[in-house]
Amino acid sequence: MANPKLPGITASEQAVLYTKLNEYNRGRASFREAGVYLIVLPQKENLNYSLCIFTSTRKTNHSLHT
């Protein structure tokens, strides 16, 4: 998966962040195997947040929007 560009930080800061994330994730189960949760944080244009939980072992996935 390609690393998306992150707004508001320099290319060198972004490189350090992705290096640390790759080190942290090395040897851990893939999200395709273990599942994943996504959090969308509020911003000034949209004050709501969302929590979505996806797993490969469940037939249903859950979402919470406020």
C-alpha atoms as a PDB file:
ATOM      1  CA  MET A   1       0.000   0.000   0.000  1.00  0.00           C
ATOM      2  CA  ALA A   2       1.344   3.419  -0.902  1.00  0.00           C
ATOM      3  CA  ASN A   3       1.868   5.966   1.843  1.00  0.00           C
ATOM      4  CA  PRO A   4      -0.491   8.914   1.321  1.00  0.00           C
ATOM      5  CA  LYS A   5       0.811  12.473   1.560  1.00  0.00           C
ATOM      6  CA  LEU A   6      -0.066  14.035   4.899  1.00  0.00           C
ATOM      7  CA  PRO A   7      -1.072  17.707   4.912  1.00  0.00           C
ATOM      8  CA  GLY A   8       0.737  20.105   7.192  1.00  0.00           C
ATOM      9  CA  ILE A   9       4.019  18.224   7.631  1.00  0.00           C
ATOM     10  CA  THR A  10       7.232  18.272   5.634  1.00  0.00           C
ATOM     11  CA  ALA A  11       8.368  15.407   3.417  1.00  0.00           C
ATOM     12  CA  SER A  12      11.195  14.581   5.853  1.00  0.00           C
ATOM     13  CA  GLU A  13       8.791  14.487   8.840  1.00  0.00           C
ATOM     14  CA  GLN A  14       6.483  12.282   6.810  1.00  0.00           C
ATOM     15  CA  ALA A  15       9.350   9.902   5.971  1.00  0.00           C
ATOM     16  CA  VAL A  16      10.259   9.590   9.669  1.00  0.00           C
ATOM     17  CA  LEU A  17       6.628   8.937  10.598  1.00  0.00           C
ATOM     18  CA  TYR A  18       6.169   6.187   7.999  1.00  0.00           C
ATOM     19  CA  THR A  19       9.499   4.597   8.981  1.00  0.00           C
ATOM     20  CA  LYS A  20       8.370   4.437  12.613  1.00  0.00           C
ATOM     21  CA  LEU A  21       4.960   3.063  11.619  1.00  0.00           C
ATOM     22  CA  ASN A  22       6.594   0.353   9.496  1.00  0.00           C
ATOM     23  CA  GLU A  23       8.900  -0.607  12.377  1.00  0.00           C
ATOM     24  CA  TYR A  24       5.929  -0.763  14.762  1.00  0.00           C
ATOM     25  CA  ASN A  25       3.873  -2.922  12.381  1.00  0.00           C
ATOM     26  CA  ARG A  26       6.690  -5.315  11.421  1.00  0.00           C
ATOM     27  CA  GLY A  27       5.793  -8.843  12.499  1.00  0.00           C
ATOM     28  CA  ARG A  28       2.216  -7.971  13.442  1.00  0.00           C
ATOM     29  CA  ALA A  29      -0.833  -9.575  11.874  1.00  0.00           C
ATOM     30  CA  SER A  30      -2.135  -7.957   8.716  1.00  0.00           C
ATOM     31  CA  PHE A  31      -5.363  -5.976   9.000  1.00  0.00           C
ATOM     32  CA  ARG A  32      -6.764  -8.435   6.455  1.00  0.00           C
ATOM     33  CA  GLU A  33      -6.292 -11.205   9.035  1.00  0.00           C
ATOM     34  CA  ALA A  34      -6.877  -9.408  12.338  1.00  0.00           C
ATOM     35  CA  GLY A  35      -9.368  -6.705  11.349  1.00  0.00           C
ATOM     36  CA  VAL A  36      -9.092  -2.951  11.524  1.00  0.00           C
ATOM     37  CA  TYR A  37     -10.800   0.048  13.028  1.00  0.00           C
ATOM     38  CA  LEU A  38     -10.920   3.483  11.467  1.00  0.00           C
ATOM     39  CA  ILE A  39     -11.605   6.700  13.315  1.00  0.00           C
ATOM     40  CA  VAL A  40     -12.608   9.851  11.457  1.00  0.00           C
ATOM     41  CA  LEU A  41     -12.035  12.825  13.741  1.00  0.00           C
ATOM     42  CA  PRO A  42     -14.152  15.978  13.771  1.00  0.00           C
ATOM     43  CA  GLN A  43     -12.997  19.007  11.839  1.00  0.00           C
ATOM     44  CA  LYS A  44     -14.330  22.542  11.759  1.00  0.00           C
ATOM     45  CA  GLU A  45     -16.342  21.765   8.596  1.00  0.00           C
ATOM     46  CA  ASN A  46     -17.855  18.592  10.120  1.00  0.00           C
ATOM     47  CA  LEU A  47     -18.158  18.322  13.896  1.00  0.00           C
ATOM     48  CA  ASN A  48     -19.104  14.634  13.855  1.00  0.00           C
ATOM     49  CA  TYR A  49     -16.805  11.674  14.229  1.00  0.00           C
ATOM     50  CA  SER A  50     -17.093   8.093  12.977  1.00  0.00           C
ATOM     51  CA  LEU A  51     -15.795   4.779  14.245  1.00  0.00           C
ATOM     52  CA  CYS A  52     -15.868   1.863  11.798  1.00  0.00           C
ATOM     53  CA  ILE A  53     -14.835  -1.688  12.724  1.00  0.00           C
ATOM     54  CA  PHE A  54     -14.059  -4.208   9.989  1.00  0.00           C
ATOM     55  CA  THR A  55     -13.037  -7.819  10.542  1.00  0.00           C
ATOM     56  CA  SER A  56     -12.475 -10.688   8.156  1.00  0.00           C
ATOM     57  CA  THR A  57     -13.950 -13.228  10.590  1.00  0.00           C
ATOM     58  CA  ARG A  58     -17.371 -11.593  11.084  1.00  0.00           C
ATOM     59  CA  LYS A  59     -20.139 -11.479   8.556  1.00  0.00           C
ATOM     60  CA  THR A  60     -21.234  -8.022   9.716  1.00  0.00           C
ATOM     61  CA  ASN A  61     -19.167  -4.934  10.314  1.00  0.00           C
ATOM     62  CA  HIS A  62     -20.086  -2.107  12.655  1.00  0.00           C
ATOM     63  CA  SER A  63     -20.123   1.659  12.279  1.00  0.00           C
ATOM     64  CA  LEU A  64     -20.873   4.397  14.791  1.00  0.00           C
ATOM     65  CA  HIS A  65     -21.491   7.954  13.615  1.00  0.00           C
ATOM     66  CA  THR A  66     -22.191  10.921  15.865  1.00  0.00           C
END
